[in-house]
Protein backbone atom coordinates (compact mmCIF):
# COMPACT_ATOMS: atom_id res chain seq x y z
CA MET A 1 -12.86 42.72 -9.87
CA THR A 2 -14.90 41.01 -7.16
CA LEU A 3 -17.27 39.53 -9.75
CA ALA A 4 -14.31 38.04 -11.63
CA ILE A 5 -13.00 36.40 -8.46
CA VAL A 6 -16.44 34.99 -7.65
CA LEU A 7 -16.76 33.59 -11.18
CA VAL A 8 -13.32 31.99 -11.03
CA VAL A 9 -14.06 30.39 -7.66
CA ALA A 10 -17.44 29.14 -8.92
CA ALA A 11 -15.79 27.70 -12.02
CA LEU A 12 -13.16 25.91 -9.93
CA ILE A 13 -15.81 24.44 -7.65
CA ALA A 14 -17.81 23.28 -10.68
CA LEU A 15 -14.67 21.73 -12.18
CA LEU A 16 -13.93 19.87 -8.95
CA LEU A 17 -17.49 18.55 -8.77
CA ILE A 18 -17.33 17.37 -12.38
CA LEU A 19 -13.97 15.68 -11.81
CA ARG A 20 -15.24 14.02 -8.63
CA SER A 21 -18.26 12.73 -10.47
CA ALA A 22 -16.12 11.45 -13.35
CA VAL A 23 -13.66 9.72 -11.02
CA SER A 24 -16.34 8.11 -8.87
CA SER A 25 -18.30 6.82 -11.87
CA SER A 26 -15.18 5.49 -13.58
CA VAL A 27 -14.20 3.36 -10.59
CA GLN A 28 -17.62 1.80 -9.95
CA ILE A 29 -17.53 -1.97 -9.89
CA SER A 30 -20.43 -4.26 -10.51
CA ALA A 31 -21.61 -6.78 -7.97
CA ASP A 32 -22.68 -9.29 -10.63
CA ALA A 33 -19.44 -11.08 -11.42
CA THR A 34 -16.95 -12.60 -9.07
CA LEU A 35 -14.48 -10.03 -7.80
CA PRO A 36 -11.15 -11.44 -9.05
CA HIS A 37 -12.50 -11.62 -12.59
CA GLN A 38 -13.29 -7.89 -12.51
CA ILE A 39 -9.60 -6.99 -12.27
CA GLN A 40 -8.23 -5.68 -15.53
CA PRO A 41 -4.46 -6.28 -15.77
CA ILE A 42 -2.42 -3.33 -17.01
CA ASP A 43 0.91 -3.17 -18.81
CA VAL A 44 3.07 -1.68 -16.07
CA GLU A 45 6.05 -1.15 -18.37
CA ALA A 46 4.01 0.86 -20.87
CA PHE A 47 2.54 2.90 -18.01
CA ARG A 48 6.05 3.51 -16.64
CA ILE A 49 7.27 4.77 -20.00
CA LEU A 50 4.32 7.15 -20.28
CA ALA A 51 4.91 8.51 -16.76
CA ASP A 52 8.70 8.82 -17.15
CA PRO A 53 9.80 12.49 -17.05
CA GLY A 54 12.92 11.52 -19.02
CA GLU A 55 10.75 10.47 -21.95
CA ASP A 56 8.98 13.82 -21.78
CA ASP A 57 12.33 15.66 -21.77
CA TYR A 58 13.45 13.58 -24.76
CA LEU A 59 10.32 14.56 -26.70
CA ARG A 60 10.72 18.19 -25.70
CA GLN A 61 14.23 18.26 -27.21
CA ARG A 62 13.22 16.53 -30.43
CA LEU A 63 9.79 17.93 -31.36
CA PRO A 64 8.60 21.38 -32.40
CA ALA A 65 6.35 23.12 -29.84
CA ALA A 66 3.04 22.49 -31.62
CA GLU A 67 3.81 18.81 -32.19
CA LEU A 68 5.03 18.44 -28.60
CA ARG A 69 1.73 19.81 -27.23
CA ARG A 70 -0.24 17.35 -29.37
CA VAL A 71 1.92 14.39 -28.34
CA ARG A 72 1.82 15.39 -24.66
CA ARG A 73 -1.98 15.58 -24.73
CA GLU A 74 -2.15 12.09 -26.25
CA ARG A 75 0.23 10.80 -23.59
CA VAL A 76 -1.80 12.48 -20.84
CA ARG A 77 -5.01 10.89 -22.15
CA ALA A 78 -3.32 7.48 -22.18
CA MET A 79 -2.03 8.01 -18.63
CA ALA A 80 -5.53 9.01 -17.52
CA VAL A 81 -6.90 5.72 -18.89
CA TYR A 82 -4.20 3.78 -17.02
CA VAL A 83 -4.93 5.69 -13.81
CA GLN A 84 -8.67 5.01 -14.15
CA VAL A 85 -8.00 1.28 -14.57
CA VAL A 86 -5.67 1.37 -11.56
CA ALA A 87 -8.37 3.08 -9.48
CA ARG A 88 -10.97 0.55 -10.57
CA ASN A 89 -8.66 -2.36 -9.78
CA ALA A 90 -7.93 -0.84 -6.38
CA ALA A 91 -11.69 -0.63 -5.71
CA VAL A 92 -12.05 -4.31 -6.57
CA LEU A 93 -9.11 -5.20 -4.34
CA VAL A 94 -10.63 -3.23 -1.45
CA ARG A 95 -13.68 -5.47 -1.69
CA VAL A 96 -11.53 -8.60 -2.03
CA GLY A 97 -9.54 -7.58 1.04
CA GLN A 98 -12.64 -6.70 3.03
CA SER A 99 -14.14 -10.12 2.33
CA ALA A 100 -10.93 -11.77 3.59
CA LEU A 101 -10.65 -9.69 6.78
CA ASN A 102 -12.81 -12.12 8.74
CA SER A 103 -10.60 -15.09 7.92
CA SER A 104 -9.76 -17.46 10.75
CA ASP A 105 -6.14 -17.57 9.57
CA SER A 106 -4.25 -14.66 11.15
CA ARG A 107 -1.80 -14.41 8.23
CA THR A 108 -4.67 -14.12 5.74
CA ALA A 109 -6.43 -11.50 7.89
CA ALA A 110 -3.19 -9.49 8.22
CA ALA A 111 -2.54 -9.71 4.45
CA ALA A 112 -6.15 -8.64 3.79
CA SER A 113 -5.80 -5.67 6.14
CA GLU A 114 -2.61 -4.57 4.40
CA LEU A 115 -4.24 -5.00 0.98
CA VAL A 116 -7.26 -2.88 1.98
CA SER A 117 -5.02 -0.16 3.38
CA GLU A 118 -2.81 -0.01 0.29
CA ALA A 119 -5.78 -0.16 -2.09
CA LEU A 120 -7.56 2.71 -0.33
CA GLN A 121 -4.40 4.81 -0.41
CA LEU A 122 -3.93 4.01 -4.09
CA ARG A 123 -7.52 5.04 -4.89
CA ARG A 124 -6.92 8.38 -3.18
CA ASN A 125 -3.64 8.89 -5.05
CA ALA A 126 -5.31 7.94 -8.32
CA ALA A 127 -8.04 10.53 -7.81
CA PHE A 128 -5.44 13.24 -7.19
CA ALA A 129 -3.41 12.06 -10.18
CA LEU A 130 -6.47 12.22 -12.42
CA VAL A 131 -7.11 15.81 -11.39
CA ARG A 132 -3.50 16.71 -12.16
CA LEU A 133 -3.64 14.87 -15.48
CA TYR A 134 -6.80 16.74 -16.48
CA VAL A 135 -5.03 19.98 -15.57
CA ALA A 136 -2.12 18.85 -17.76
CA LEU A 137 -4.60 18.45 -20.64
CA ALA A 138 -5.56 22.10 -20.30
CA TRP A 139 -2.00 23.30 -19.72
CA PRO A 140 0.36 20.99 -21.60
CA ASN A 141 3.41 22.30 -19.72
CA ALA A 142 2.01 21.16 -16.36
CA GLY A 143 3.79 18.22 -14.78
CA PHE A 144 2.47 14.69 -14.76
CA ALA A 145 1.49 13.08 -11.49
CA ALA A 146 1.22 9.42 -12.39
CA ALA A 147 4.48 8.22 -10.83
CA PRO A 148 3.05 7.81 -7.29
CA VAL A 149 0.16 5.82 -8.75
CA LEU A 150 2.58 3.55 -10.59
CA ASP A 151 4.66 2.95 -7.45
CA GLY A 152 1.53 2.30 -5.38
CA TYR A 153 0.24 -0.13 -7.98
CA ARG A 154 3.45 -2.12 -7.89
CA GLN A 155 3.20 -2.33 -4.10
CA LEU A 156 -0.47 -3.29 -4.32
CA HIS A 157 0.42 -6.02 -6.81
CA GLY A 158 2.66 -7.66 -4.22
CA SER A 159 -0.01 -7.48 -1.52
CA ALA A 160 -2.67 -8.89 -3.84
CA MET A 161 -0.38 -11.75 -4.83
CA LEU A 162 0.33 -12.55 -1.15
CA LEU A 163 -3.35 -12.60 -0.22
CA GLY A 164 -4.15 -14.66 -3.31
CA ARG A 165 -1.50 -17.24 -2.43
CA LEU A 166 -2.73 -17.45 1.15
CA GLN A 167 -6.39 -17.86 0.15
CA SER A 168 -6.01 -20.10 -2.85
CA PRO A 169 -2.49 -21.18 -3.84
CA ALA A 170 -3.67 -22.75 -7.10
CA THR A 171 -5.35 -19.61 -8.48
CA PRO A 172 -3.01 -16.62 -9.03
CA VAL A 173 -4.31 -13.06 -8.86
CA ARG A 174 -2.98 -10.98 -11.77
CA ILE A 175 -3.34 -7.24 -11.74
CA SER A 176 -0.29 -6.46 -13.89
CA VAL A 177 1.27 -7.61 -17.12
CA PHE A 178 5.06 -7.50 -16.87
């Protein structure tokens, strides 16, 4: 019995290390290109539909169990891709905000501080959501956790737009496709 518990704990620790490695490598950003060009806009409406529990309930009522599991896994994989892009965009926006923190304009510095704070919180939420999504791949009846990421991304979009307008009114910053 004790050996089984030790093996389960070791397996969980290994899983967490693998997930941490996967998340950290998927949100790496290169220093070669200019930061705003590294942002990959996402289709927020498509992401919202994937994360909507009502859509999942609709599929549950209409599909046989085997087909539902297959469709849910596909949806979870798609949500994981969206969450990875969100995390990567948040990492880019952290660097954009950090570079604007030393601005002489107090409004720009305040907007940059808010952007950095929101982007860091979104990266943390995205990491937790990815773990929950990977659990949902293993257990298709597990709940999705992408809704907080979606809400945080919408909020981050507003902060990025504000900082972009303050720094360079002629060049918009797009992180979403509406």
